[in-house]
PDB file of N, CA and C in Angstrom:
ATOM      1  N   UNK A   1       0.843  -1.174   0.015  1.00  0.00           N
ATOM      2  CA  UNK A   1      -0.008  -0.029   0.020  1.00  0.00           C
ATOM      3  C   UNK A   1       0.901   1.238   0.018  1.00  0.00           C
ATOM      4  N   UNK A   2       0.674   2.126  -0.946  1.00  0.00           N
ATOM      5  CA  UNK A   2       1.447   3.304  -1.025  1.00  0.00           C
ATOM      6  C   UNK A   2       0.817   4.442  -0.121  1.00  0.00           C
ATOM      7  N   UNK A   3       1.442   5.587  -0.144  1.00  0.00           N
ATOM      8  CA  UNK A   3       0.973   6.646   0.721  1.00  0.00           C
ATOM      9  C   UNK A   3      -0.408   7.106   0.387  1.00  0.00           C
ATOM     10  N   UNK A   4      -0.716   7.142  -0.904  1.00  0.00           N
ATOM     11  CA  UNK A   4      -2.035   7.609  -1.309  1.00  0.00           C
ATOM     12  C   UNK A   4      -3.142   6.628  -0.899  1.00  0.00           C
ATOM     13  N   UNK A   5      -2.864   5.362  -1.042  1.00  0.00           N
ATOM     14  CA  UNK A   5      -3.846   4.329  -0.604  1.00  0.00           C
ATOM     15  C   UNK A   5      -4.055   4.348   0.894  1.00  0.00           C
ATOM     16  N   UNK A   6      -2.943   4.538   1.618  1.00  0.00           N
ATOM     17  CA  UNK A   6      -3.061   4.621   3.094  1.00  0.00           C
ATOM     18  C   UNK A   6      -3.861   5.843   3.509  1.00  0.00           C
ATOM     19  N   UNK A   7      -3.659   6.954   2.885  1.00  0.00           N
ATOM     20  CA  UNK A   7      -4.414   8.173   3.226  1.00  0.00           C
ATOM     21  C   UNK A   7      -5.876   7.990   2.924  1.00  0.00           C
ATOM     22  N   UNK A   8      -6.225   7.348   1.777  1.00  0.00           N
ATOM     23  CA  UNK A   8      -7.626   7.094   1.457  1.00  0.00           C
ATOM     24  C   UNK A   8      -8.256   6.156   2.462  1.00  0.00           C
ATOM     25  N   UNK A   9      -7.477   5.123   2.882  1.00  0.00           N
ATOM     26  CA  UNK A   9      -8.008   4.157   3.837  1.00  0.00           C
ATOM     27  C   UNK A   9      -8.304   4.836   5.179  1.00  0.00           C
ATOM     28  N   UNK A  10      -7.368   5.667   5.659  1.00  0.00           N
ATOM     29  CA  UNK A  10      -7.567   6.390   6.929  1.00  0.00           C
ATOM     30  C   UNK A  10      -8.734   7.356   6.789  1.00  0.00           C
ATOM     31  N   UNK A  11      -8.844   8.056   5.713  1.00  0.00           N
ATOM     32  CA  UNK A  11      -9.956   9.006   5.503  1.00  0.00           C
ATOM     33  C   UNK A  11     -11.256   8.277   5.496  1.00  0.00           C
ATOM     34  N   UNK A  12     -11.335   7.121   4.826  1.00  0.00           N
ATOM     35  CA  UNK A  12     -12.530   6.330   4.757  1.00  0.00           C
ATOM     36  C   UNK A  12     -12.980   5.849   6.149  1.00  0.00           C
ATOM     37  N   UNK A  13     -11.988   5.354   6.915  1.00  0.00           N
ATOM     38  CA  UNK A  13     -12.300   4.887   8.278  1.00  0.00           C
ATOM     39  C   UNK A  13     -12.756   5.981   9.180  1.00  0.00           C
ATOM     40  N   UNK A  14     -12.125   7.140   9.061  1.00  0.00           N
ATOM     41  CA  UNK A  14     -12.483   8.335   9.851  1.00  0.00           C
ATOM     42  C   UNK A  14     -13.918   8.803   9.556  1.00  0.00           C
ATOM     43  N   UNK A  15     -14.228   8.828   8.259  1.00  0.00           N
ATOM     44  CA  UNK A  15     -15.592   9.264   7.870  1.00  0.00           C
ATOM     45  C   UNK A  15     -16.605   8.236   8.306  1.00  0.00           C
ATOM     46  N   UNK A  16     -16.335   6.931   8.133  1.00  0.00           N
ATOM     47  CA  UNK A  16     -17.307   5.908   8.521  1.00  0.00           C
ATOM     48  C   UNK A  16     -17.567   5.883  10.008  1.00  0.00           C
ATOM     49  N   UNK A  17     -16.512   6.076  10.788  1.00  0.00           N
ATOM     50  CA  UNK A  17     -16.672   6.099  12.232  1.00  0.00           C
ATOM     51  C   UNK A  17     -17.405   7.317  12.719  1.00  0.00           C
ATOM     52  N   UNK A  18     -17.162   8.491  12.100  1.00  0.00           N
ATOM     53  CA  UNK A  18     -17.871   9.675  12.486  1.00  0.00           C
ATOM     54  C   UNK A  18     -19.343   9.594  12.056  1.00  0.00           C
ATOM     55  N   UNK A  19     -19.671   8.986  10.967  1.00  0.00           N
ATOM     56  CA  UNK A  19     -21.066   8.795  10.578  1.00  0.00           C
ATOM     57  C   UNK A  19     -21.746   7.855  11.553  1.00  0.00           C
ATOM     58  N   UNK A  20     -21.090   6.752  11.948  1.00  0.00           N
ATOM     59  CA  UNK A  20     -21.712   5.845  12.891  1.00  0.00           C
ATOM     60  C   UNK A  20     -21.958   6.491  14.215  1.00  0.00           C
ATOM     61  N   UNK A  21     -20.989   7.257  14.735  1.00  0.00           N
ATOM     62  CA  UNK A  21     -21.177   7.941  16.019  1.00  0.00           C
ATOM     63  C   UNK A  21     -22.263   9.067  15.922  1.00  0.00           C
ATOM     64  N   UNK A  22     -22.352   9.731  14.817  1.00  0.00           N
ATOM     65  CA  UNK A  22     -23.365  10.742  14.646  1.00  0.00           C
ATOM     66  C   UNK A  22     -24.758  10.110  14.616  1.00  0.00           C
ATOM     67  N   UNK A  23     -24.920   9.005  13.921  1.00  0.00           N
ATOM     68  CA  UNK A  23     -26.190   8.316  13.867  1.00  0.00           C
ATOM     69  C   UNK A  23     -26.555   7.736  15.268  1.00  0.00           C
ATOM     70  N   UNK A  24     -25.574   7.270  15.987  1.00  0.00           N
ATOM     71  CA  UNK A  24     -25.877   6.758  17.336  1.00  0.00           C
ATOM     72  C   UNK A  24     -26.279   7.905  18.267  1.00  0.00           C
ATOM     73  N   UNK A  25     -25.638   9.046  18.124  1.00  0.00           N
ATOM     74  CA  UNK A  25     -26.020  10.232  18.961  1.00  0.00           C
ATOM     75  C   UNK A  25     -27.438  10.684  18.578  1.00  0.00           C
ATOM     76  N   UNK A  26     -27.797  10.668  17.353  1.00  0.00           N
ATOM     77  CA  UNK A  26     -29.168  11.075  16.919  1.00  0.00           C
ATOM     78  C   UNK A  26     -30.161  10.038  17.486  1.00  0.00           C
ATOM     79  N   UNK A  27     -29.822   8.763  17.552  1.00  0.00           N
ATOM     80  CA  UNK A  27     -30.694   7.754  18.115  1.00  0.00           C
ATOM     81  C   UNK A  27     -30.888   8.006  19.636  1.00  0.00           C
ATOM     82  N   UNK A  28     -29.835   8.349  20.301  1.00  0.00           N
ATOM     83  CA  UNK A  28     -29.945   8.667  21.724  1.00  0.00           C
ATOM     84  C   UNK A  28     -30.820   9.896  21.957  1.00  0.00           C
ATOM     85  N   UNK A  29     -30.689  10.899  21.118  1.00  0.00           N
ATOM     86  CA  UNK A  29     -31.529  12.086  21.234  1.00  0.00           C
ATOM     87  C   UNK A  29     -33.009  11.774  20.956  1.00  0.00           C
ATOM     88  N   UNK A  30     -33.255  10.890  20.010  1.00  0.00           N
ATOM     89  CA  UNK A  30     -34.664  10.467  19.733  1.00  0.00           C
ATOM     90  C   UNK A  30     -35.204   9.705  20.914  1.00  0.00           C
ATOM     91  N   UNK A  31     -34.411   8.865  21.546  1.00  0.00           N
ATOM     92  CA  UNK A  31     -34.870   8.117  22.747  1.00  0.00           C
ATOM     93  C   UNK A  31     -35.194   9.099  23.860  1.00  0.00           C
ATOM     94  N   UNK A  32     -34.328  10.088  24.035  1.00  0.00           N
ATOM     95  CA  UNK A  32     -34.561  11.127  25.070  1.00  0.00           C
ATOM     96  C   UNK A  32     -35.817  11.911  24.783  1.00  0.00           C
ATOM     97  N   UNK A  33     -36.032  12.260  23.519  1.00  0.00           N
ATOM     98  CA  UNK A  33     -37.238  12.986  23.153  1.00  0.00           C
ATOM     99  C   UNK A  33     -38.491  12.186  23.457  1.00  0.00           C
ATOM    100  N   UNK A  34     -38.457  10.920  23.066  1.00  0.00           N
ATOM    101  CA  UNK A  34     -39.577  10.025  23.284  1.00  0.00           C
ATOM    102  C   UNK A  34     -39.862   9.858  24.815  1.00  0.00           C
ATOM    103  N   UNK A  35     -38.808   9.725  25.586  1.00  0.00           N
ATOM    104  CA  UNK A  35     -38.969   9.567  27.058  1.00  0.00           C
ATOM    105  C   UNK A  35     -39.508  10.840  27.667  1.00  0.00           C
ATOM    106  N   UNK A  36     -39.060  11.989  27.174  1.00  0.00           N
ATOM    107  CA  UNK A  36     -39.575  13.277  27.665  1.00  0.00           C
ATOM    108  C   UNK A  36     -41.056  13.434  27.318  1.00  0.00           C
ATOM    109  N   UNK A  37     -41.440  12.979  26.090  1.00  0.00           N
ATOM    110  CA  UNK A  37     -42.827  13.108  25.673  1.00  0.00           C
ATOM    111  C   UNK A  37     -43.738  12.233  26.528  1.00  0.00           C
ATOM    112  N   UNK A  38     -43.263  11.071  26.912  1.00  0.00           N
ATOM    113  CA  UNK A  38     -44.047  10.110  27.713  1.00  0.00           C
ATOM    114  C   UNK A  38     -43.995  10.490  29.209  1.00  0.00           C
ATOM    115  N   UNK A  39     -43.093  11.361  29.612  1.00  0.00           N
ATOM    116  CA  UNK A  39     -43.053  11.778  31.001  1.00  0.00           C
ATOM    117  C   UNK A  39     -42.296  10.822  31.913  1.00  0.00           C
ATOM    118  N   UNK A  40     -41.333  10.068  31.389  1.00  0.00           N
ATOM    119  CA  UNK A  40     -40.585   9.093  32.177  1.00  0.00           C
ATOM    120  C   UNK A  40     -39.612   9.801  33.130  1.00  0.00           C
ATOM    121  N   UNK A  41     -39.336   9.154  34.270  1.00  0.00           N
ATOM    122  CA  UNK A  41     -38.354   9.750  35.170  1.00  0.00           C
ATOM    123  C   UNK A  41     -36.943   9.340  34.669  1.00  0.00           C
ATOM    124  N   UNK A  42     -35.923   9.783  35.446  1.00  0.00           N
ATOM    125  CA  UNK A  42     -34.543   9.588  34.981  1.00  0.00           C
ATOM    126  C   UNK A  42     -34.112   8.131  34.854  1.00  0.00           C
ATOM    127  N   UNK A  43     -34.632   7.276  35.714  1.00  0.00           N
ATOM    128  CA  UNK A  43     -34.297   5.858  35.656  1.00  0.00           C
ATOM    129  C   UNK A  43     -34.947   5.158  34.428  1.00  0.00           C
ATOM    130  N   UNK A  44     -36.198   5.508  34.159  1.00  0.00           N
ATOM    131  CA  UNK A  44     -36.841   4.972  32.978  1.00  0.00           C
ATOM    132  C   UNK A  44     -36.197   5.477  31.705  1.00  0.00           C
ATOM    133  N   UNK A  45     -35.747   6.693  31.697  1.00  0.00           N
ATOM    134  CA  UNK A  45     -35.071   7.263  30.546  1.00  0.00           C
ATOM    135  C   UNK A  45     -33.756   6.512  30.295  1.00  0.00           C
ATOM    136  N   UNK A  46     -33.010   6.340  31.336  1.00  0.00           N
ATOM    137  CA  UNK A  46     -31.683   5.673  31.134  1.00  0.00           C
ATOM    138  C   UNK A  46     -31.882   4.224  30.715  1.00  0.00           C
ATOM    139  N   UNK A  47     -32.950   3.565  31.233  1.00  0.00           N
ATOM    140  CA  UNK A  47     -33.217   2.214  30.787  1.00  0.00           C
ATOM    141  C   UNK A  47     -33.617   2.162  29.326  1.00  0.00           C
ATOM    142  N   UNK A  48     -34.411   3.123  28.915  1.00  0.00           N
ATOM    143  CA  UNK A  48     -34.835   3.159  27.490  1.00  0.00           C
ATOM    144  C   UNK A  48     -33.661   3.421  26.526  1.00  0.00           C
ATOM    145  N   UNK A  49     -32.819   4.339  26.901  1.00  0.00           N
ATOM    146  CA  UNK A  49     -31.616   4.635  26.068  1.00  0.00           C
ATOM    147  C   UNK A  49     -30.732   3.420  26.041  1.00  0.00           C
ATOM    148  N   UNK A  50     -30.507   2.758  27.179  1.00  0.00           N
ATOM    149  CA  UNK A  50     -29.641   1.591  27.180  1.00  0.00           C
ATOM    150  C   UNK A  50     -30.259   0.427  26.427  1.00  0.00           C
ATOM    151  N   UNK A  51     -31.581   0.296  26.539  1.00  0.00           N
ATOM    152  CA  UNK A  51     -32.255  -0.806  25.813  1.00  0.00           C
ATOM    153  C   UNK A  51     -32.146  -0.642  24.276  1.00  0.00           C
ATOM    154  N   UNK A  52     -32.136   0.574  23.821  1.00  0.00           N
ATOM    155  CA  UNK A  52     -32.079   0.840  22.395  1.00  0.00           C
ATOM    156  C   UNK A  52     -30.669   0.849  21.885  1.00  0.00           C
ATOM    157  N   UNK A  53     -29.746   1.448  22.595  1.00  0.00           N
ATOM    158  CA  UNK A  53     -28.389   1.659  22.058  1.00  0.00           C
ATOM    159  C   UNK A  53     -27.425   0.506  22.294  1.00  0.00           C
ATOM    160  N   UNK A  54     -27.629  -0.282  23.360  1.00  0.00           N
ATOM    161  CA  UNK A  54     -26.721  -1.400  23.652  1.00  0.00           C
ATOM    162  C   UNK A  54     -26.627  -2.411  22.534  1.00  0.00           C
ATOM    163  N   UNK A  55     -27.774  -2.868  21.977  1.00  0.00           N
ATOM    164  CA  UNK A  55     -27.626  -3.834  20.857  1.00  0.00           C
ATOM    165  C   UNK A  55     -26.945  -3.251  19.653  1.00  0.00           C
ATOM    166  N   UNK A  56     -27.138  -1.997  19.403  1.00  0.00           N
ATOM    167  CA  UNK A  56     -26.474  -1.334  18.242  1.00  0.00           C
ATOM    168  C   UNK A  56     -24.992  -1.231  18.441  1.00  0.00           C
ATOM    169  N   UNK A  57     -24.582  -0.822  19.672  1.00  0.00           N
ATOM    170  CA  UNK A  57     -23.130  -0.750  19.962  1.00  0.00           C
ATOM    171  C   UNK A  57     -22.515  -2.140  19.919  1.00  0.00           C
ATOM    172  N   UNK A  58     -23.228  -3.152  20.422  1.00  0.00           N
ATOM    173  CA  UNK A  58     -22.701  -4.509  20.361  1.00  0.00           C
ATOM    174  C   UNK A  58     -22.540  -4.959  18.899  1.00  0.00           C
ATOM    175  N   UNK A  59     -23.512  -4.665  18.060  1.00  0.00           N
ATOM    176  CA  UNK A  59     -23.397  -5.033  16.671  1.00  0.00           C
ATOM    177  C   UNK A  59     -22.228  -4.327  15.980  1.00  0.00           C
ATOM    178  N   UNK A  60     -21.997  -3.074  16.288  1.00  0.00           N
ATOM    179  CA  UNK A  60     -20.858  -2.335  15.733  1.00  0.00           C
ATOM    180  C   UNK A  60     -19.549  -2.980  16.184  1.00  0.00           C
ATOM    181  N   UNK A  61     -19.424  -3.314  17.416  1.00  0.00           N
ATOM    182  CA  UNK A  61     -18.209  -3.966  17.949  1.00  0.00           C
ATOM    183  C   UNK A  61     -18.027  -5.318  17.319  1.00  0.00           C
ATOM    184  N   UNK A  62     -19.072  -6.121  17.197  1.00  0.00           N
ATOM    185  CA  UNK A  62     -18.968  -7.415  16.560  1.00  0.00           C
ATOM    186  C   UNK A  62     -18.550  -7.279  15.108  1.00  0.00           C
ATOM    187  N   UNK A  63     -19.061  -6.265  14.396  1.00  0.00           N
ATOM    188  CA  UNK A  63     -18.699  -6.027  13.017  1.00  0.00           C
ATOM    189  C   UNK A  63     -17.208  -5.705  12.891  1.00  0.00           C
ATOM    190  N   UNK A  64     -16.681  -4.942  13.824  1.00  0.00           N
ATOM    191  CA  UNK A  64     -15.273  -4.566  13.834  1.00  0.00           C
ATOM    192  C   UNK A  64     -14.425  -5.823  14.071  1.00  0.00           C
ATOM    193  N   UNK A  65     -14.845  -6.710  15.018  1.00  0.00           N
ATOM    194  CA  UNK A  65     -14.104  -7.914  15.298  1.00  0.00           C
ATOM    195  C   UNK A  65     -14.131  -8.883  14.099  1.00  0.00           C
ATOM    196  N   UNK A  66     -15.267  -9.038  13.500  1.00  0.00           N
ATOM    197  CA  UNK A  66     -15.411  -9.935  12.350  1.00  0.00           C
ATOM    198  C   UNK A  66     -14.601  -9.410  11.181  1.00  0.00           C
ATOM    199  N   UNK A  67     -14.602  -8.092  10.994  1.00  0.00           N
ATOM    200  CA  UNK A  67     -13.828  -7.518   9.886  1.00  0.00           C
ATOM    201  C   UNK A  67     -12.341  -7.656  10.141  1.00  0.00           C
ATOM    202  N   UNK A  68     -11.900  -7.561  11.396  1.00  0.00           N
ATOM    203  CA  UNK A  68     -10.499  -7.672  11.685  1.00  0.00           C
ATOM    204  C   UNK A  68      -9.982  -9.103  11.440  1.00  0.00           C
ATOM    205  N   UNK A  69     -10.749 -10.084  11.782  1.00  0.00           N
ATOM    206  CA  UNK A  69     -10.297 -11.472  11.599  1.00  0.00           C
ATOM    207  C   UNK A  69     -10.717 -12.005  10.253  1.00  0.00           C
ATOM    208  N   UNK A  70     -11.499 -11.232   9.490  1.00  0.00           N
ATOM    209  CA  UNK A  70     -11.919 -11.608   8.149  1.00  0.00           C
ATOM    210  C   UNK A  70     -12.565 -12.970   8.161  1.00  0.00           C
ATOM    211  N   UNK A  71     -13.554 -13.117   9.063  1.00  0.00           N
ATOM    212  CA  UNK A  71     -14.278 -14.377   9.159  1.00  0.00           C
ATOM    213  C   UNK A  71     -15.325 -14.536   8.040  1.00  0.00           C
ATOM    214  N   UNK A  72     -15.790 -13.419   7.486  1.00  0.00           N
ATOM    215  CA  UNK A  72     -16.761 -13.497   6.408  1.00  0.00           C
ATOM    216  C   UNK A  72     -16.245 -12.765   5.244  1.00  0.00           C
TER     217      UNK A  72
END
């Protein structure tokens, strides 16, 4: 891999990670908005946000592990 290919690879990874984190942040904000609309207290809000975001974060981590070991 030459310098140009390495730069494109790093740029691609940086953009993809920033898009994933932005989408995850928007999802958390939507959960907070929904919890506020329903009138949940702080514990119910945190449970709702955890319930929605934890599977997505787990899927992202599993995807990184699978991609690293090239299992598929």
